[in-house]
C-alpha atoms as a PDB file:
ATOM      1  CA  MET A   1      12.768  -5.086  -0.803  1.00  0.00           C
ATOM      2  CA  GLU A   2      11.278  -3.495  -3.897  1.00  0.00           C
ATOM      3  CA  THR A   3      10.937   0.295  -3.922  1.00  0.00           C
ATOM      4  CA  ILE A   4       8.197   2.012  -5.933  1.00  0.00           C
ATOM      5  CA  LYS A   5       9.064   5.620  -6.765  1.00  0.00           C
ATOM      6  CA  ILE A   6       6.413   8.323  -6.554  1.00  0.00           C
ATOM      7  CA  ASP A   7       6.601  11.828  -8.050  1.00  0.00           C
ATOM      8  CA  THR A   8       4.504  13.512  -5.365  1.00  0.00           C
ATOM      9  CA  PRO A   9       5.067  14.173  -1.629  1.00  0.00           C
ATOM     10  CA  PHE A  10       2.594  11.394  -0.743  1.00  0.00           C
ATOM     11  CA  ILE A  11       0.300   8.774  -2.288  1.00  0.00           C
ATOM     12  CA  LYS A  12      -2.896   7.292  -0.895  1.00  0.00           C
ATOM     13  CA  LEU A  13      -2.770   3.649   0.141  1.00  0.00           C
ATOM     14  CA  GLY A  14      -5.384   2.445  -2.365  1.00  0.00           C
ATOM     15  CA  GLN A  15      -3.526   4.136  -5.225  1.00  0.00           C
ATOM     16  CA  PHE A  16      -0.202   2.721  -4.059  1.00  0.00           C
ATOM     17  CA  LEU A  17      -1.553  -0.830  -3.940  1.00  0.00           C
ATOM     18  CA  LYS A  18      -2.549  -0.508  -7.609  1.00  0.00           C
ATOM     19  CA  LEU A  19       0.705   1.199  -8.623  1.00  0.00           C
ATOM     20  CA  ALA A  20       2.807  -1.499  -6.940  1.00  0.00           C
ATOM     21  CA  GLY A  21       0.756  -4.289  -8.533  1.00  0.00           C
ATOM     22  CA  LEU A  22      -0.482  -5.527  -5.156  1.00  0.00           C
ATOM     23  CA  ALA A  23      -4.116  -4.926  -6.178  1.00  0.00           C
ATOM     24  CA  ASP A  24      -5.721  -5.329  -9.602  1.00  0.00           C
ATOM     25  CA  SER A  25      -8.125  -2.413  -9.179  1.00  0.00           C
ATOM     26  CA  GLY A  26      -9.423   0.145  -6.728  1.00  0.00           C
ATOM     27  CA  VAL A  27     -12.166  -2.257  -5.690  1.00  0.00           C
ATOM     28  CA  HIS A  28      -9.612  -5.018  -5.089  1.00  0.00           C
ATOM     29  CA  ALA A  29      -7.498  -2.597  -3.000  1.00  0.00           C
ATOM     30  CA  LYS A  30     -10.563  -1.683  -0.934  1.00  0.00           C
ATOM     31  CA  ILE A  31     -11.359  -5.353  -0.310  1.00  0.00           C
ATOM     32  CA  LEU A  32      -7.781  -6.138   0.770  1.00  0.00           C
ATOM     33  CA  ILE A  33      -7.821  -3.207   3.196  1.00  0.00           C
ATOM     34  CA  LEU A  34     -11.252  -4.128   4.614  1.00  0.00           C
ATOM     35  CA  GLU A  35     -10.126  -7.753   5.093  1.00  0.00           C
ATOM     36  CA  GLY A  36      -7.299  -6.489   7.304  1.00  0.00           C
ATOM     37  CA  VAL A  37      -4.450  -8.010   5.270  1.00  0.00           C
ATOM     38  CA  VAL A  38      -2.662  -4.709   4.533  1.00  0.00           C
ATOM     39  CA  GLN A  39       0.034  -3.429   6.880  1.00  0.00           C
ATOM     40  CA  VAL A  40       1.794  -0.079   6.741  1.00  0.00           C
ATOM     41  CA  ASN A  41       5.016   0.105   8.746  1.00  0.00           C
ATOM     42  CA  GLY A  42       4.008  -3.031  10.667  1.00  0.00           C
ATOM     43  CA  VAL A  43       0.526  -1.809  11.627  1.00  0.00           C
ATOM     44  CA  THR A  44      -2.702  -3.143  10.081  1.00  0.00           C
ATOM     45  CA  GLU A  45      -4.256  -0.305   8.095  1.00  0.00           C
ATOM     46  CA  THR A  46      -8.011   0.040   7.561  1.00  0.00           C
ATOM     47  CA  GLN A  47      -8.150   3.381   5.724  1.00  0.00           C
ATOM     48  CA  ARG A  48      -7.864   3.335   1.941  1.00  0.00           C
ATOM     49  CA  GLY A  49      -7.061   7.054   1.968  1.00  0.00           C
ATOM     50  CA  LYS A  50      -4.088   6.700   4.361  1.00  0.00           C
ATOM     51  CA  LYS A  51      -1.295   8.948   3.088  1.00  0.00           C
ATOM     52  CA  LEU A  52       1.981   7.152   2.417  1.00  0.00           C
ATOM     53  CA  HIS A  53       5.280   9.004   2.246  1.00  0.00           C
ATOM     54  CA  PRO A  54       8.714   7.936   0.963  1.00  0.00           C
ATOM     55  CA  GLY A  55      10.195   5.406   3.379  1.00  0.00           C
ATOM     56  CA  ASP A  56       6.867   3.817   4.339  1.00  0.00           C
ATOM     57  CA  VAL A  57       6.731   0.030   3.943  1.00  0.00           C
ATOM     58  CA  VAL A  58       3.583  -1.790   2.794  1.00  0.00           C
ATOM     59  CA  VAL A  59       2.915  -5.522   3.154  1.00  0.00           C
ATOM     60  CA  VAL A  60      -0.136  -7.339   1.779  1.00  0.00           C
ATOM     61  CA  GLY A  61      -0.695 -10.762   3.319  1.00  0.00           C
ATOM     62  CA  GLU A  62       2.267 -13.027   2.569  1.00  0.00           C
ATOM     63  CA  GLU A  63       3.620 -10.830  -0.252  1.00  0.00           C
ATOM     64  CA  ALA A  64       7.113  -9.358  -0.046  1.00  0.00           C
ATOM     65  CA  PRO A  65       7.310  -5.885   1.526  1.00  0.00           C
ATOM     66  CA  VAL A  66       7.225  -2.905  -0.840  1.00  0.00           C
ATOM     67  CA  GLN A  67       8.672   0.472   0.085  1.00  0.00           C
ATOM     68  CA  VAL A  68       7.432   3.872  -1.047  1.00  0.00           C
ATOM     69  CA  GLY A  69      10.319   5.689  -2.725  1.00  0.00           C
END
């Protein structure tokens, strides 16, 4: 599982999707979240502003899981 390091205590889901390369832009991240294909720690997430902390795991559709580091 790939780990993406952050320099802050948390990162918002939409920002993390862009940082990890799972979304091309903020608009793309929003669309993925609204379509219900984004999971955080095994739960479908519908809030772009969801705060992610180190240890959280994000999955987009059939992509490999990515962990917040």
